[in-house]
Each structure stands twice: as C-alpha cells, then as structure tokens.
Amino acid sequence: MLHYAVVFFVIAIIAAVLGFSGIAGAASNIAWILFVVFLILAVISLFRKKV
C-alpha cells in the first residue's frame, strides 16, 4: 500500500513539473488517500499483534 502511495506521489511531482495540474492534483489525492489507508492498517496491525 505504501509503495502505491509513493508511486502516485512521484507521478504527481512529474505531472506538476510538466504542467499537467489536473493529473498532478488527482495523483496527489490518490497518494494521500492510499497513505492514510496504509496508516490506518498499520495501526490496526500493531494493536492486533500486541493483544
């Protein structure tokens, strides 16, 4: 999950440098959502292992 977030973040940076603001915005939103999902799953996994 984190890998896909980083990939979309890199796509957003490249698109922003090339001037594609719509694609950059969409890719950064996708990266942000995937990163939040990764954090939620990581916290759940952390608490699940301790119990």
N, C-alpha and C. Protein backbone atom coordinates (compact mmCIF):
# COMPACT_ATOMS: atom_id res chain seq x y z
N MET A 1 0.83 -1.19 0.00
CA MET A 1 0.00 0.00 0.00
C MET A 1 0.88 1.25 0.00
N LEU A 2 1.89 1.24 0.81
CA LEU A 2 2.79 2.40 0.87
C LEU A 2 3.52 2.57 -0.46
N HIS A 3 3.84 1.47 -1.10
CA HIS A 3 4.52 1.52 -2.40
C HIS A 3 3.66 2.27 -3.42
N TYR A 4 2.37 1.96 -3.46
CA TYR A 4 1.48 2.63 -4.40
C TYR A 4 1.33 4.11 -4.07
N ALA A 5 1.32 4.46 -2.80
CA ALA A 5 1.25 5.87 -2.41
C ALA A 5 2.48 6.62 -2.90
N VAL A 6 3.64 6.02 -2.77
CA VAL A 6 4.88 6.67 -3.24
C VAL A 6 4.87 6.79 -4.76
N VAL A 7 4.39 5.76 -5.45
CA VAL A 7 4.33 5.81 -6.91
C VAL A 7 3.43 6.94 -7.38
N PHE A 8 2.24 7.06 -6.78
CA PHE A 8 1.34 8.14 -7.18
C PHE A 8 1.90 9.51 -6.80
N PHE A 9 2.65 9.59 -5.71
CA PHE A 9 3.28 10.85 -5.34
C PHE A 9 4.33 11.26 -6.37
N VAL A 10 5.11 10.30 -6.84
CA VAL A 10 6.12 10.58 -7.86
C VAL A 10 5.43 10.99 -9.17
N ILE A 11 4.35 10.33 -9.52
CA ILE A 11 3.59 10.71 -10.72
C ILE A 11 3.06 12.13 -10.58
N ALA A 12 2.59 12.50 -9.38
CA ALA A 12 2.09 13.84 -9.16
C ALA A 12 3.20 14.88 -9.31
N ILE A 13 4.38 14.59 -8.80
CA ILE A 13 5.50 15.53 -8.92
C ILE A 13 5.91 15.69 -10.38
N ILE A 14 6.01 14.59 -11.11
CA ILE A 14 6.39 14.67 -12.52
C ILE A 14 5.33 15.43 -13.32
N ALA A 15 4.06 15.16 -13.07
CA ALA A 15 3.00 15.85 -13.78
C ALA A 15 2.99 17.34 -13.45
N ALA A 16 3.27 17.69 -12.20
CA ALA A 16 3.30 19.10 -11.83
C ALA A 16 4.45 19.83 -12.50
N VAL A 17 5.60 19.18 -12.60
CA VAL A 17 6.76 19.79 -13.26
C VAL A 17 6.46 20.00 -14.75
N LEU A 18 5.76 19.06 -15.35
CA LEU A 18 5.44 19.17 -16.77
C LEU A 18 4.24 20.07 -17.04
N GLY A 19 3.55 20.52 -16.01
CA GLY A 19 2.45 21.46 -16.19
C GLY A 19 1.07 20.84 -16.27
N PHE A 20 0.95 19.57 -16.00
CA PHE A 20 -0.36 18.92 -16.01
C PHE A 20 -0.98 19.02 -14.62
N SER A 21 -1.62 20.14 -14.34
CA SER A 21 -2.11 20.38 -12.98
C SER A 21 -3.26 19.46 -12.61
N GLY A 22 -4.12 19.12 -13.56
CA GLY A 22 -5.24 18.23 -13.25
C GLY A 22 -4.78 16.84 -12.88
N ILE A 23 -3.86 16.31 -13.65
CA ILE A 23 -3.32 14.98 -13.37
C ILE A 23 -2.53 14.99 -12.07
N ALA A 24 -1.78 16.08 -11.84
CA ALA A 24 -0.99 16.18 -10.61
C ALA A 24 -1.90 16.23 -9.39
N GLY A 25 -2.98 16.96 -9.48
CA GLY A 25 -3.92 17.04 -8.36
C GLY A 25 -4.58 15.71 -8.08
N ALA A 26 -5.00 15.03 -9.13
CA ALA A 26 -5.64 13.73 -8.96
C ALA A 26 -4.67 12.71 -8.38
N ALA A 27 -3.45 12.70 -8.89
CA ALA A 27 -2.45 11.74 -8.39
C ALA A 27 -2.09 12.03 -6.94
N SER A 28 -2.00 13.31 -6.58
CA SER A 28 -1.67 13.62 -5.19
C SER A 28 -2.82 13.26 -4.25
N ASN A 29 -4.06 13.41 -4.71
CA ASN A 29 -5.20 12.99 -3.88
C ASN A 29 -5.21 11.48 -3.70
N ILE A 30 -4.93 10.74 -4.75
CA ILE A 30 -4.88 9.28 -4.64
C ILE A 30 -3.75 8.86 -3.70
N ALA A 31 -2.58 9.52 -3.84
CA ALA A 31 -1.46 9.20 -2.96
C ALA A 31 -1.80 9.47 -1.51
N TRP A 32 -2.48 10.59 -1.25
CA TRP A 32 -2.86 10.94 0.12
C TRP A 32 -3.84 9.91 0.70
N ILE A 33 -4.82 9.50 -0.08
CA ILE A 33 -5.80 8.51 0.38
C ILE A 33 -5.11 7.17 0.67
N LEU A 34 -4.23 6.74 -0.23
CA LEU A 34 -3.53 5.47 0.00
C LEU A 34 -2.63 5.53 1.22
N PHE A 35 -2.00 6.70 1.46
CA PHE A 35 -1.15 6.84 2.63
C PHE A 35 -1.97 6.77 3.92
N VAL A 36 -3.13 7.40 3.92
CA VAL A 36 -3.99 7.35 5.11
C VAL A 36 -4.48 5.93 5.36
N VAL A 37 -4.86 5.23 4.29
CA VAL A 37 -5.29 3.83 4.44
C VAL A 37 -4.15 2.99 4.98
N PHE A 38 -2.92 3.22 4.48
CA PHE A 38 -1.76 2.50 4.99
C PHE A 38 -1.57 2.75 6.49
N LEU A 39 -1.68 4.02 6.91
CA LEU A 39 -1.50 4.32 8.33
C LEU A 39 -2.56 3.64 9.19
N ILE A 40 -3.80 3.66 8.73
CA ILE A 40 -4.87 3.02 9.50
C ILE A 40 -4.62 1.52 9.61
N LEU A 41 -4.26 0.88 8.50
CA LEU A 41 -3.99 -0.56 8.55
C LEU A 41 -2.76 -0.88 9.38
N ALA A 42 -1.76 -0.02 9.37
CA ALA A 42 -0.56 -0.25 10.18
C ALA A 42 -0.89 -0.17 11.66
N VAL A 43 -1.70 0.80 12.04
CA VAL A 43 -2.08 0.94 13.45
C VAL A 43 -2.93 -0.25 13.89
N ILE A 44 -3.86 -0.67 13.05
CA ILE A 44 -4.69 -1.84 13.38
C ILE A 44 -3.81 -3.08 13.53
N SER A 45 -2.87 -3.24 12.63
CA SER A 45 -1.98 -4.39 12.70
C SER A 45 -1.11 -4.35 13.96
N LEU A 46 -0.65 -3.17 14.31
CA LEU A 46 0.18 -3.02 15.50
C LEU A 46 -0.59 -3.41 16.76
N PHE A 47 -1.82 -2.93 16.88
CA PHE A 47 -2.62 -3.26 18.06
C PHE A 47 -3.06 -4.72 18.06
N ARG A 48 -3.25 -5.28 16.90
CA ARG A 48 -3.68 -6.66 16.83
C ARG A 48 -2.56 -7.61 17.25
N LYS A 49 -1.33 -7.28 16.94
CA LYS A 49 -0.19 -8.14 17.31
C LYS A 49 0.05 -8.12 18.81
N LYS A 50 -0.23 -6.99 19.47
CA LYS A 50 0.03 -6.88 20.90
C LYS A 50 -0.99 -7.63 21.74
N VAL A 51 -2.17 -7.83 21.23
CA VAL A 51 -3.23 -8.46 22.02
C VAL A 51 -3.16 -9.95 21.94
